[in-house]
Amino acid sequence: EGFDALANLGPAVSVFGSARTAPGHPEYELARELGREIGKAGYAVVTGGGPGVMEAANRGAVDVGAHSVGIGIELPHEQRLNDWVDLGINFRYFFAR
Protein backbone atom coordinates (compact mmCIF):
# COMPACT_ATOMS: atom_id res chain seq x y z
CA GLU A 1 0.00 0.00 0.00
CA GLY A 2 2.94 2.35 0.58
CA PHE A 3 4.07 2.03 -3.00
CA ASP A 4 0.53 2.71 -4.20
CA ALA A 5 0.50 5.97 -2.21
CA LEU A 6 3.65 7.10 -4.02
CA ALA A 7 2.57 6.01 -7.51
CA ASN A 8 1.01 9.36 -8.44
CA LEU A 9 3.50 11.58 -6.64
CA GLY A 10 5.38 12.70 -9.74
CA PRO A 11 9.02 13.76 -9.80
CA ALA A 12 10.65 13.77 -6.38
CA VAL A 13 14.01 14.22 -4.69
CA SER A 14 15.03 12.29 -1.56
CA VAL A 15 16.91 14.12 1.16
CA PHE A 16 18.95 12.17 3.72
CA GLY A 17 20.52 13.62 6.84
CA SER A 18 20.92 13.59 10.58
CA ALA A 19 17.90 13.32 12.86
CA ARG A 20 19.82 15.22 15.54
CA THR A 21 20.28 18.58 13.81
CA ALA A 22 18.27 21.15 15.76
CA PRO A 23 16.23 24.04 14.34
CA GLY A 24 18.41 27.14 14.17
CA HIS A 25 21.59 25.17 13.46
CA PRO A 26 23.23 26.22 10.17
CA GLU A 27 22.84 22.71 8.73
CA TYR A 28 19.12 22.70 9.61
CA GLU A 29 18.67 26.02 7.84
CA LEU A 30 20.65 24.78 4.83
CA ALA A 31 18.41 21.69 4.58
CA ARG A 32 15.33 23.89 4.84
CA GLU A 33 16.60 26.07 1.99
CA LEU A 34 17.38 22.93 -0.02
CA GLY A 35 13.77 21.79 0.49
CA ARG A 36 12.54 25.17 -0.73
CA GLU A 37 14.70 25.07 -3.85
CA ILE A 38 13.70 21.48 -4.65
CA GLY A 39 10.05 22.46 -4.27
CA LYS A 40 10.40 25.60 -6.38
CA ALA A 41 11.94 23.47 -9.13
CA GLY A 42 8.74 21.41 -9.26
CA TYR A 43 9.81 18.36 -7.30
CA ALA A 44 8.32 16.74 -4.22
CA VAL A 45 10.64 16.40 -1.22
CA VAL A 46 10.89 12.89 0.23
CA THR A 47 12.60 12.18 3.56
CA GLY A 48 12.51 9.58 6.30
CA GLY A 49 9.96 11.83 7.99
CA GLY A 50 11.92 12.25 11.20
CA PRO A 51 13.35 15.28 12.97
CA GLY A 52 16.52 17.20 12.16
CA VAL A 53 17.59 17.51 8.54
CA MET A 54 14.59 15.45 7.43
CA GLU A 55 12.20 17.85 9.16
CA ALA A 56 14.02 20.86 7.75
CA ALA A 57 13.77 19.61 4.15
CA ASN A 58 10.07 18.79 4.59
CA ARG A 59 9.53 22.20 6.14
CA GLY A 60 11.23 23.92 3.20
CA ALA A 61 8.93 22.09 0.78
CA VAL A 62 5.88 23.24 2.74
CA ASP A 63 7.25 26.82 2.75
CA VAL A 64 6.86 26.92 -1.05
CA GLY A 65 3.73 24.77 -1.40
CA ALA A 66 5.48 21.65 -2.69
CA HIS A 67 4.60 18.07 -1.78
CA SER A 68 6.31 17.00 1.44
CA VAL A 69 6.59 13.24 1.94
CA GLY A 70 7.84 11.29 4.94
CA ILE A 71 8.60 7.60 4.65
CA GLY A 72 9.05 6.28 8.15
CA ILE A 73 9.84 2.94 9.69
CA GLU A 74 7.81 1.22 12.39
CA LEU A 75 10.21 0.75 15.29
CA PRO A 76 9.46 0.84 19.04
CA HIS A 77 11.92 3.70 19.66
CA GLU A 78 11.20 5.61 16.43
CA GLN A 79 9.55 8.99 16.72
CA ARG A 80 6.40 9.94 14.86
CA LEU A 81 6.53 11.68 11.50
CA ASN A 82 7.43 15.36 11.73
CA ASP A 83 4.76 18.07 11.55
CA TRP A 84 5.83 19.18 8.05
CA VAL A 85 4.91 15.93 6.28
CA ASP A 86 1.73 16.13 4.19
CA LEU A 87 1.95 12.53 2.90
CA GLY A 88 3.20 10.10 5.51
CA ILE A 89 3.87 6.43 4.95
CA ASN A 90 5.22 3.96 7.49
CA PHE A 91 6.96 0.79 6.42
CA ARG A 92 7.52 -2.18 8.66
CA TYR A 93 10.98 -3.03 7.32
CA PHE A 94 14.03 -0.97 6.38
CA PHE A 95 14.53 -2.78 3.07
CA ALA A 96 11.07 -1.69 1.89
CA ARG A 97 11.65 1.86 3.01
PDB file of N, CA and C in Angstrom:
ATOM      1  N   GLU A   1       0.813  -1.205   0.000  1.00  0.00           N
ATOM      2  CA  GLU A   1       0.000   0.000   0.000  1.00  0.00           C
ATOM      3  C   GLU A   1       0.856   1.269   0.000  1.00  0.00           C
ATOM      4  N   GLY A   2       2.046   1.199   0.581  1.00  0.00           N
ATOM      5  CA  GLY A   2       2.937   2.352   0.582  1.00  0.00           C
ATOM      6  C   GLY A   2       3.372   2.746  -0.813  1.00  0.00           C
ATOM      7  N   PHE A   3       3.657   1.751  -1.624  1.00  0.00           N
ATOM      8  CA  PHE A   3       4.067   2.034  -2.997  1.00  0.00           C
ATOM      9  C   PHE A   3       2.911   2.620  -3.798  1.00  0.00           C
ATOM     10  N   ASP A   4       1.699   2.159  -3.525  1.00  0.00           N
ATOM     11  CA  ASP A   4       0.526   2.715  -4.202  1.00  0.00           C
ATOM     12  C   ASP A   4       0.362   4.198  -3.872  1.00  0.00           C
ATOM     13  N   ALA A   5       0.630   4.570  -2.627  1.00  0.00           N
ATOM     14  CA  ALA A   5       0.500   5.969  -2.211  1.00  0.00           C
ATOM     15  C   ALA A   5       1.488   6.864  -2.953  1.00  0.00           C
ATOM     16  N   LEU A   6       2.619   6.319  -3.328  1.00  0.00           N
ATOM     17  CA  LEU A   6       3.650   7.100  -4.018  1.00  0.00           C
ATOM     18  C   LEU A   6       3.509   7.083  -5.534  1.00  0.00           C
ATOM     19  N   ALA A   7       2.669   6.219  -6.059  1.00  0.00           N
ATOM     20  CA  ALA A   7       2.574   6.007  -7.506  1.00  0.00           C
ATOM     21  C   ALA A   7       2.247   7.278  -8.285  1.00  0.00           C
ATOM     22  N   ASN A   8       1.436   8.144  -7.732  1.00  0.00           N
ATOM     23  CA  ASN A   8       1.013   9.358  -8.436  1.00  0.00           C
ATOM     24  C   ASN A   8       1.723  10.614  -7.945  1.00  0.00           C
ATOM     25  N   LEU A   9       2.805  10.442  -7.224  1.00  0.00           N
ATOM     26  CA  LEU A   9       3.505  11.580  -6.638  1.00  0.00           C
ATOM     27  C   LEU A   9       4.151  12.472  -7.691  1.00  0.00           C
ATOM     28  N   GLY A  10       4.656  11.915  -8.743  1.00  0.00           N
ATOM     29  CA  GLY A  10       5.377  12.705  -9.736  1.00  0.00           C
ATOM     30  C   GLY A  10       6.846  12.775  -9.391  1.00  0.00           C
ATOM     31  N   PRO A  11       7.575  13.684 -10.041  1.00  0.00           N
ATOM     32  CA  PRO A  11       9.017  13.759  -9.798  1.00  0.00           C
ATOM     33  C   PRO A  11       9.309  14.160  -8.354  1.00  0.00           C
ATOM     34  N   ALA A  12      10.319  13.528  -7.783  1.00  0.00           N
ATOM     35  CA  ALA A  12      10.645  13.765  -6.381  1.00  0.00           C
ATOM     36  C   ALA A  12      12.146  13.642  -6.162  1.00  0.00           C
ATOM     37  N   VAL A  13      12.608  14.294  -5.104  1.00  0.00           N
ATOM     38  CA  VAL A  13      14.005  14.215  -4.693  1.00  0.00           C
ATOM     39  C   VAL A  13      14.035  13.770  -3.240  1.00  0.00           C
ATOM     40  N   SER A  14      14.862  12.766  -2.937  1.00  0.00           N
ATOM     41  CA  SER A  14      15.026  12.293  -1.561  1.00  0.00           C
ATOM     42  C   SER A  14      16.145  13.063  -0.884  1.00  0.00           C
ATOM     43  N   VAL A  15      15.909  13.416   0.367  1.00  0.00           N
ATOM     44  CA  VAL A  15      16.912  14.117   1.165  1.00  0.00           C
ATOM     45  C   VAL A  15      17.224  13.257   2.382  1.00  0.00           C
ATOM     46  N   PHE A  16      18.497  12.956   2.578  1.00  0.00           N
ATOM     47  CA  PHE A  16      18.954  12.175   3.717  1.00  0.00           C
ATOM     48  C   PHE A  16      19.784  13.071   4.618  1.00  0.00           C
ATOM     49  N   GLY A  17      19.707  12.845   5.923  1.00  0.00           N
ATOM     50  CA  GLY A  17      20.521  13.622   6.840  1.00  0.00           C
ATOM     51  C   GLY A  17      20.252  13.253   8.277  1.00  0.00           C
ATOM     52  N   SER A  18      20.974  13.888   9.161  1.00  0.00           N
ATOM     53  CA  SER A  18      20.918  13.594  10.584  1.00  0.00           C
ATOM     54  C   SER A  18      19.567  13.931  11.201  1.00  0.00           C
ATOM     55  N   ALA A  19      19.116  13.062  12.092  1.00  0.00           N
ATOM     56  CA  ALA A  19      17.896  13.323  12.856  1.00  0.00           C
ATOM     57  C   ALA A  19      18.185  14.216  14.056  1.00  0.00           C
ATOM     58  N   ARG A  20      19.443  14.492  14.327  1.00  0.00           N
ATOM     59  CA  ARG A  20      19.815  15.220  15.539  1.00  0.00           C
ATOM     60  C   ARG A  20      20.173  16.689  15.305  1.00  0.00           C
ATOM     61  N   THR A  21      19.978  17.180  14.108  1.00  0.00           N
ATOM     62  CA  THR A  21      20.280  18.583  13.807  1.00  0.00           C
ATOM     63  C   THR A  21      19.100  19.444  14.239  1.00  0.00           C
ATOM     64  N   ALA A  22      19.349  20.357  15.150  1.00  0.00           N
ATOM     65  CA  ALA A  22      18.273  21.151  15.759  1.00  0.00           C
ATOM     66  C   ALA A  22      17.904  22.369  14.912  1.00  0.00           C
ATOM     67  N   PRO A  23      16.629  22.788  14.993  1.00  0.00           N
ATOM     68  CA  PRO A  23      16.234  24.042  14.339  1.00  0.00           C
ATOM     69  C   PRO A  23      17.150  25.179  14.792  1.00  0.00           C
ATOM     70  N   GLY A  24      17.507  26.038  13.866  1.00  0.00           N
ATOM     71  CA  GLY A  24      18.409  27.140  14.170  1.00  0.00           C
ATOM     72  C   GLY A  24      19.863  26.828  13.857  1.00  0.00           C
ATOM     73  N   HIS A  25      20.219  25.560  13.816  1.00  0.00           N
ATOM     74  CA  HIS A  25      21.587  25.167  13.460  1.00  0.00           C
ATOM     75  C   HIS A  25      21.798  25.468  11.974  1.00  0.00           C
ATOM     76  N   PRO A  26      22.988  25.904  11.590  1.00  0.00           N
ATOM     77  CA  PRO A  26      23.230  26.221  10.173  1.00  0.00           C
ATOM     78  C   PRO A  26      22.893  25.074   9.214  1.00  0.00           C
ATOM     79  N   GLU A  27      23.152  23.843   9.609  1.00  0.00           N
ATOM     80  CA  GLU A  27      22.837  22.714   8.727  1.00  0.00           C
ATOM     81  C   GLU A  27      21.327  22.495   8.607  1.00  0.00           C
ATOM     82  N   TYR A  28      20.585  22.778   9.672  1.00  0.00           N
ATOM     83  CA  TYR A  28      19.123  22.697   9.606  1.00  0.00           C
ATOM     84  C   TYR A  28      18.611  23.733   8.609  1.00  0.00           C
ATOM     85  N   GLU A  29      19.112  24.947   8.730  1.00  0.00           N
ATOM     86  CA  GLU A  29      18.670  26.024   7.840  1.00  0.00           C
ATOM     87  C   GLU A  29      19.067  25.749   6.386  1.00  0.00           C
ATOM     88  N   LEU A  30      20.223  25.147   6.182  1.00  0.00           N
ATOM     89  CA  LEU A  30      20.651  24.776   4.832  1.00  0.00           C
ATOM     90  C   LEU A  30      19.714  23.713   4.243  1.00  0.00           C
ATOM     91  N   ALA A  31      19.339  22.728   5.051  1.00  0.00           N
ATOM     92  CA  ALA A  31      18.413  21.689   4.584  1.00  0.00           C
ATOM     93  C   ALA A  31      17.034  22.273   4.297  1.00  0.00           C
ATOM     94  N   ARG A  32      16.616  23.238   5.094  1.00  0.00           N
ATOM     95  CA  ARG A  32      15.326  23.888   4.838  1.00  0.00           C
ATOM     96  C   ARG A  32      15.364  24.642   3.508  1.00  0.00           C
ATOM     97  N   GLU A  33      16.452  25.357   3.265  1.00  0.00           N
ATOM     98  CA  GLU A  33      16.603  26.070   1.991  1.00  0.00           C
ATOM     99  C   GLU A  33      16.670  25.086   0.825  1.00  0.00           C
ATOM    100  N   LEU A  34      17.338  23.965   1.017  1.00  0.00           N
ATOM    101  CA  LEU A  34      17.380  22.935  -0.018  1.00  0.00           C
ATOM    102  C   LEU A  34      15.965  22.445  -0.332  1.00  0.00           C
ATOM    103  N   GLY A  35      15.164  22.201   0.700  1.00  0.00           N
ATOM    104  CA  GLY A  35      13.774  21.788   0.493  1.00  0.00           C
ATOM    105  C   GLY A  35      12.981  22.824  -0.288  1.00  0.00           C
ATOM    106  N   ARG A  36      13.207  24.090   0.013  1.00  0.00           N
ATOM    107  CA  ARG A  36      12.536  25.167  -0.731  1.00  0.00           C
ATOM    108  C   ARG A  36      12.925  25.138  -2.206  1.00  0.00           C
ATOM    109  N   GLU A  37      14.211  25.042  -2.465  1.00  0.00           N
ATOM    110  CA  GLU A  37      14.702  25.066  -3.845  1.00  0.00           C
ATOM    111  C   GLU A  37      14.226  23.844  -4.631  1.00  0.00           C
ATOM    112  N   ILE A  38      14.215  22.691  -4.001  1.00  0.00           N
ATOM    113  CA  ILE A  38      13.696  21.483  -4.655  1.00  0.00           C
ATOM    114  C   ILE A  38      12.226  21.691  -5.002  1.00  0.00           C
ATOM    115  N   GLY A  39      11.471  22.208  -4.044  1.00  0.00           N
ATOM    116  CA  GLY A  39      10.045  22.458  -4.268  1.00  0.00           C
ATOM    117  C   GLY A  39       9.789  23.486  -5.355  1.00  0.00           C
ATOM    118  N   LYS A  40      10.566  24.565  -5.351  1.00  0.00           N
ATOM    119  CA  LYS A  40      10.399  25.598  -6.380  1.00  0.00           C
ATOM    120  C   LYS A  40      10.721  25.068  -7.771  1.00  0.00           C
ATOM    121  N   ALA A  41      11.579  24.066  -7.838  1.00  0.00           N
ATOM    122  CA  ALA A  41      11.944  23.465  -9.125  1.00  0.00           C
ATOM    123  C   ALA A  41      10.890  22.473  -9.615  1.00  0.00           C
ATOM    124  N   GLY A  42       9.834  22.274  -8.828  1.00  0.00           N
ATOM    125  CA  GLY A  42       8.744  21.408  -9.261  1.00  0.00           C
ATOM    126  C   GLY A  42       8.810  19.970  -8.789  1.00  0.00           C
ATOM    127  N   TYR A  43       9.670  19.710  -7.823  1.00  0.00           N
ATOM    128  CA  TYR A  43       9.815  18.357  -7.296  1.00  0.00           C
ATOM    129  C   TYR A  43       9.192  18.245  -5.908  1.00  0.00           C
ATOM    130  N   ALA A  44       8.714  17.053  -5.586  1.00  0.00           N
ATOM    131  CA  ALA A  44       8.319  16.743  -4.216  1.00  0.00           C
ATOM    132  C   ALA A  44       9.590  16.470  -3.417  1.00  0.00           C
ATOM    133  N   VAL A  45       9.525  16.705  -2.112  1.00  0.00           N
ATOM    134  CA  VAL A  45      10.635  16.399  -1.217  1.00  0.00           C
ATOM    135  C   VAL A  45      10.259  15.154  -0.421  1.00  0.00           C
ATOM    136  N   VAL A  46      11.124  14.156  -0.466  1.00  0.00           N
ATOM    137  CA  VAL A  46      10.889  12.894   0.234  1.00  0.00           C
ATOM    138  C   VAL A  46      12.006  12.681   1.247  1.00  0.00           C
ATOM    139  N   THR A  47      11.628  12.447   2.505  1.00  0.00           N
ATOM    140  CA  THR A  47      12.603  12.179   3.560  1.00  0.00           C
ATOM    141  C   THR A  47      12.145  10.961   4.357  1.00  0.00           C
ATOM    142  N   GLY A  48      12.904  10.635   5.371  1.00  0.00           N
ATOM    143  CA  GLY A  48      12.511   9.583   6.300  1.00  0.00           C
ATOM    144  C   GLY A  48      11.440  10.035   7.268  1.00  0.00           C
ATOM    145  N   GLY A  49      11.059  11.310   7.189  1.00  0.00           N
ATOM    146  CA  GLY A  49       9.957  11.828   7.988  1.00  0.00           C
ATOM    147  C   GLY A  49      10.276  12.137   9.431  1.00  0.00           C
ATOM    148  N   GLY A  50      11.527  12.011   9.813  1.00  0.00           N
ATOM    149  CA  GLY A  50      11.916  12.249  11.195  1.00  0.00           C
ATOM    150  C   GLY A  50      12.278  13.698  11.464  1.00  0.00           C
ATOM    151  N   PRO A  51      12.920  13.931  12.605  1.00  0.00           N
ATOM    152  CA  PRO A  51      13.347  15.280  12.974  1.00  0.00           C
ATOM    153  C   PRO A  51      14.651  15.662  12.268  1.00  0.00           C
ATOM    154  N   GLY A  52      15.213  16.778  12.659  1.00  0.00           N
ATOM    155  CA  GLY A  52      16.517  17.196  12.161  1.00  0.00           C
ATOM    156  C   GLY A  52      16.499  17.625  10.708  1.00  0.00           C
ATOM    157  N   VAL A  53      17.468  17.143   9.948  1.00  0.00           N
ATOM    158  CA  VAL A  53      17.594  17.506   8.537  1.00  0.00           C
ATOM    159  C   VAL A  53      16.358  17.072   7.756  1.00  0.00           C
ATOM    160  N   MET A  54      15.795  15.922   8.120  1.00  0.00           N
ATOM    161  CA  MET A  54      14.585  15.447   7.433  1.00  0.00           C
ATOM    162  C   MET A  54      13.442  16.443   7.622  1.00  0.00           C
ATOM    163  N   GLU A  55      13.239  16.863   8.856  1.00  0.00           N
ATOM    164  CA  GLU A  55      12.199  17.853   9.158  1.00  0.00           C
ATOM    165  C   GLU A  55      12.443  19.152   8.405  1.00  0.00           C
ATOM    166  N   ALA A  56      13.685  19.596   8.403  1.00  0.00           N
ATOM    167  CA  ALA A  56      14.023  20.858   7.746  1.00  0.00           C
ATOM    168  C   ALA A  56      13.706  20.818   6.256  1.00  0.00           C
ATOM    169  N   ALA A  57      14.056  19.730   5.588  1.00  0.00           N
ATOM    170  CA  ALA A  57      13.774  19.614   4.152  1.00  0.00           C
ATOM    171  C   ALA A  57      12.272  19.566   3.902  1.00  0.00           C
ATOM    172  N   ASN A  58      11.530  18.808   4.722  1.00  0.00           N
ATOM    173  CA  ASN A  58      10.071  18.787   4.588  1.00  0.00           C
ATOM    174  C   ASN A  58       9.493  20.177   4.826  1.00  0.00           C
ATOM    175  N   ARG A  59      10.011  20.855   5.812  1.00  0.00           N
ATOM    176  CA  ARG A  59       9.527  22.205   6.136  1.00  0.00           C
ATOM    177  C   ARG A  59       9.774  23.172   4.979  1.00  0.00           C
ATOM    178  N   GLY A  60      10.932  23.077   4.351  1.00  0.00           N
ATOM    179  CA  GLY A  60      11.231  23.915   3.197  1.00  0.00           C
ATOM    180  C   GLY A  60      10.262  23.670   2.056  1.00  0.00           C
ATOM    181  N   ALA A  61       9.908  22.414   1.831  1.00  0.00           N
ATOM    182  CA  ALA A  61       8.928  22.092   0.785  1.00  0.00           C
ATOM    183  C   ALA A  61       7.588  22.742   1.091  1.00  0.00           C
ATOM    184  N   VAL A  62       7.157  22.635   2.331  1.00  0.00           N
ATOM    185  CA  VAL A  62       5.884  23.241   2.737  1.00  0.00           C
ATOM    186  C   VAL A  62       5.939  24.757   2.586  1.00  0.00           C
ATOM    187  N   ASP A  63       7.087  25.360   2.886  1.00  0.00           N
ATOM    188  CA  ASP A  63       7.247  26.818   2.746  1.00  0.00           C
ATOM    189  C   ASP A  63       6.861  27.308   1.353  1.00  0.00           C
ATOM    190  N   VAL A  64       7.122  26.491   0.330  1.00  0.00           N
ATOM    191  CA  VAL A  64       6.863  26.918  -1.052  1.00  0.00           C
ATOM    192  C   VAL A  64       5.689  26.180  -1.691  1.00  0.00           C
ATOM    193  N   GLY A  65       4.928  25.446  -0.897  1.00  0.00           N
ATOM    194  CA  GLY A  65       3.732  24.771  -1.402  1.00  0.00           C
ATOM    195  C   GLY A  65       3.987  23.496  -2.180  1.00  0.00           C
ATOM    196  N   ALA A  66       5.156  22.902  -2.005  1.00  0.00           N
ATOM    197  CA  ALA A  66       5.481  21.646  -2.694  1.00  0.00           C
ATOM    198  C   ALA A  66       5.022  20.453  -1.864  1.00  0.00           C
ATOM    199  N   HIS A  67       4.928  19.293  -2.507  1.00  0.00           N
ATOM    200  CA  HIS A  67       4.599  18.070  -1.779  1.00  0.00           C
ATOM    201  C   HIS A  67       5.732  17.738  -0.816  1.00  0.00           C
ATOM    202  N   SER A  68       5.356  17.330   0.388  1.00  0.00           N
ATOM    203  CA  SER A  68       6.306  16.996   1.437  1.00  0.00           C
ATOM    204  C   SER A  68       5.982  15.598   1.944  1.00  0.00           C
ATOM    205  N   VAL A  69       6.860  14.649   1.656  1.00  0.00           N
ATOM    206  CA  VAL A  69       6.594  13.241   1.939  1.00  0.00           C
ATOM    207  C   VAL A  69       7.559  12.727   3.001  1.00  0.00           C
ATOM    208  N   GLY A  70       7.025  11.958   3.934  1.00  0.00           N
ATOM    209  CA  GLY A  70       7.840  11.294   4.939  1.00  0.00           C
ATOM    210  C   GLY A  70       7.616   9.799   4.873  1.00  0.00           C
ATOM    211  N   ILE A  71       8.689   9.061   4.689  1.00  0.00           N
ATOM    212  CA  ILE A  71       8.603   7.605   4.647  1.00  0.00           C
ATOM    213  C   ILE A  71       9.308   7.073   5.885  1.00  0.00           C
ATOM    214  N   GLY A  72       8.512   6.725   6.876  1.00  0.00           N
ATOM    215  CA  GLY A  72       9.051   6.285   8.153  1.00  0.00           C
ATOM    216  C   GLY A  72       9.187   4.780   8.250  1.00  0.00           C
ATOM    217  N   ILE A  73       9.679   4.357   9.400  1.00  0.00           N
ATOM    218  CA  ILE A  73       9.844   2.937   9.691  1.00  0.00           C
ATOM    219  C   ILE A  73       9.194   2.667  11.041  1.00  0.00           C
ATOM    220  N   GLU A  74       8.494   1.568  11.148  1.00  0.00           N
ATOM    221  CA  GLU A  74       7.811   1.216  12.390  1.00  0.00           C
ATOM    222  C   GLU A  74       8.788   0.522  13.332  1.00  0.00           C
ATOM    223  N   LEU A  75       9.318   1.278  14.269  1.00  0.00           N
ATOM    224  CA  LEU A  75      10.208   0.750  15.294  1.00  0.00           C
ATOM    225  C   LEU A  75       9.724   1.229  16.652  1.00  0.00           C
ATOM    226  N   PRO A  76       9.945   0.437  17.711  1.00  0.00           N
ATOM    227  CA  PRO A  76       9.463   0.836  19.042  1.00  0.00           C
ATOM    228  C   PRO A  76      10.025   2.177  19.516  1.00  0.00           C
ATOM    229  N   HIS A  77      11.282   2.473  19.187  1.00  0.00           N
ATOM    230  CA  HIS A  77      11.916   3.705  19.660  1.00  0.00           C
ATOM    231  C   HIS A  77      11.830   4.849  18.652  1.00  0.00           C
ATOM    232  N   GLU A  78      11.266   4.587  17.488  1.00  0.00           N
ATOM    233  CA  GLU A  78      11.202   5.609  16.426  1.00  0.00           C
ATOM    234  C   GLU A  78      10.155   6.667  16.762  1.00  0.00           C
ATOM    235  N   GLN A  79      10.486   7.897  16.490  1.00  0.00           N
ATOM    236  CA  GLN A  79       9.553   8.989  16.719  1.00  0.00           C
ATOM    237  C   GLN A  79       8.504   9.018  15.619  1.00  0.00           C
ATOM    238  N   ARG A  80       7.460   9.771  15.862  1.00  0.00           N
ATOM    239  CA  ARG A  80       6.404   9.941  14.860  1.00  0.00           C
ATOM    240  C   ARG A  80       6.929  10.787  13.706  1.00  0.00           C
ATOM    241  N   LEU A  81       6.155  10.833  12.631  1.00  0.00           N
ATOM    242  CA  LEU A  81       6.529  11.678  11.500  1.00  0.00           C
ATOM    243  C   LEU A  81       6.492  13.145  11.917  1.00  0.00           C
ATOM    244  N   ASN A  82       7.372  13.947  11.362  1.00  0.00           N
ATOM    245  CA  ASN A  82       7.428  15.360  11.734  1.00  0.00           C
ATOM    246  C   ASN A  82       6.183  16.113  11.240  1.00  0.00           C
ATOM    247  N   ASP A  83       5.964  17.274  11.817  1.00  0.00           N
ATOM    248  CA  ASP A  83       4.758  18.068  11.547  1.00  0.00           C
ATOM    249  C   ASP A  83       4.699  18.650  10.137  1.00  0.00           C
ATOM    250  N   TRP A  84       5.774  18.570   9.379  1.00  0.00           N
ATOM    251  CA  TRP A  84       5.829  19.183   8.052  1.00  0.00           C
ATOM    252  C   TRP A  84       5.588  18.184   6.929  1.00  0.00           C
ATOM    253  N   VAL A  85       5.212  16.969   7.271  1.00  0.00           N
ATOM    254  CA  VAL A  85       4.909  15.930   6.283  1.00  0.00           C
ATOM    255  C   VAL A  85       3.440  16.024   5.901  1.00  0.00           C
ATOM    256  N   ASP A  86       3.144  16.136   4.594  1.00  0.00           N
ATOM    257  CA  ASP A  86       1.733  16.127   4.186  1.00  0.00           C
ATOM    258  C   ASP A  86       1.305  14.785   3.601  1.00  0.00           C
ATOM    259  N   LEU A  87       2.250  13.914   3.282  1.00  0.00           N
ATOM    260  CA  LEU A  87       1.950  12.534   2.899  1.00  0.00           C
ATOM    261  C   LEU A  87       2.908  11.652   3.680  1.00  0.00           C
ATOM    262  N   GLY A  88       2.373  10.952   4.663  1.00  0.00           N
ATOM    263  CA  GLY A  88       3.199  10.099   5.508  1.00  0.00           C
ATOM    264  C   GLY A  88       2.917   8.632   5.270  1.00  0.00           C
ATOM    265  N   ILE A  89       3.980   7.867   5.167  1.00  0.00           N
ATOM    266  CA  ILE A  89       3.874   6.429   4.953  1.00  0.00           C
ATOM    267  C   ILE A  89       4.838   5.750   5.917  1.00  0.00           C
ATOM    268  N   ASN A  90       4.352   4.736   6.612  1.00  0.00           N
ATOM    269  CA  ASN A  90       5.224   3.957   7.488  1.00  0.00           C
ATOM    270  C   ASN A  90       5.395   2.561   6.928  1.00  0.00           C
ATOM    271  N   PHE A  91       6.639   2.145   6.839  1.00  0.00           N
ATOM    272  CA  PHE A  91       6.963   0.793   6.417  1.00  0.00           C
ATOM    273  C   PHE A  91       7.385  -0.015   7.633  1.00  0.00           C
ATOM    274  N   ARG A  92       7.168  -1.302   7.559  1.00  0.00           N
ATOM    275  CA  ARG A  92       7.520  -2.179   8.663  1.00  0.00           C
ATOM    276  C   ARG A  92       9.002  -2.550   8.633  1.00  0.00           C
ATOM    277  N   TYR A  93       9.605  -2.554   7.448  1.00  0.00           N
ATOM    278  CA  TYR A  93      10.984  -3.025   7.317  1.00  0.00           C
ATOM    279  C   TYR A  93      11.847  -1.993   6.595  1.00  0.00           C
ATOM    280  N   PHE A  94      13.111  -1.908   7.011  1.00  0.00           N
ATOM    281  CA  PHE A  94      14.034  -0.970   6.384  1.00  0.00           C
ATOM    282  C   PHE A  94      14.199  -1.227   4.888  1.00  0.00           C
ATOM    283  N   PHE A  95      14.273  -2.491   4.486  1.00  0.00           N
ATOM    284  CA  PHE A  95      14.525  -2.785   3.074  1.00  0.00           C
ATOM    285  C   PHE A  95      13.407  -2.263   2.178  1.00  0.00           C
ATOM    286  N   ALA A  96      12.188  -2.214   2.687  1.00  0.00           N
ATOM    287  CA  ALA A  96      11.071  -1.686   1.892  1.00  0.00           C
ATOM    288  C   ALA A  96      11.091  -0.167   1.859  1.00  0.00           C
ATOM    289  N   ARG A  97      11.590   0.411   2.908  1.00  0.00           N
ATOM    290  CA  ARG A  97      11.651   1.863   3.012  1.00  0.00           C
ATOM    291  C   ARG A  97      12.601   2.404   1.983  1.00  0.00           C
TER     292      ARG A  97
END
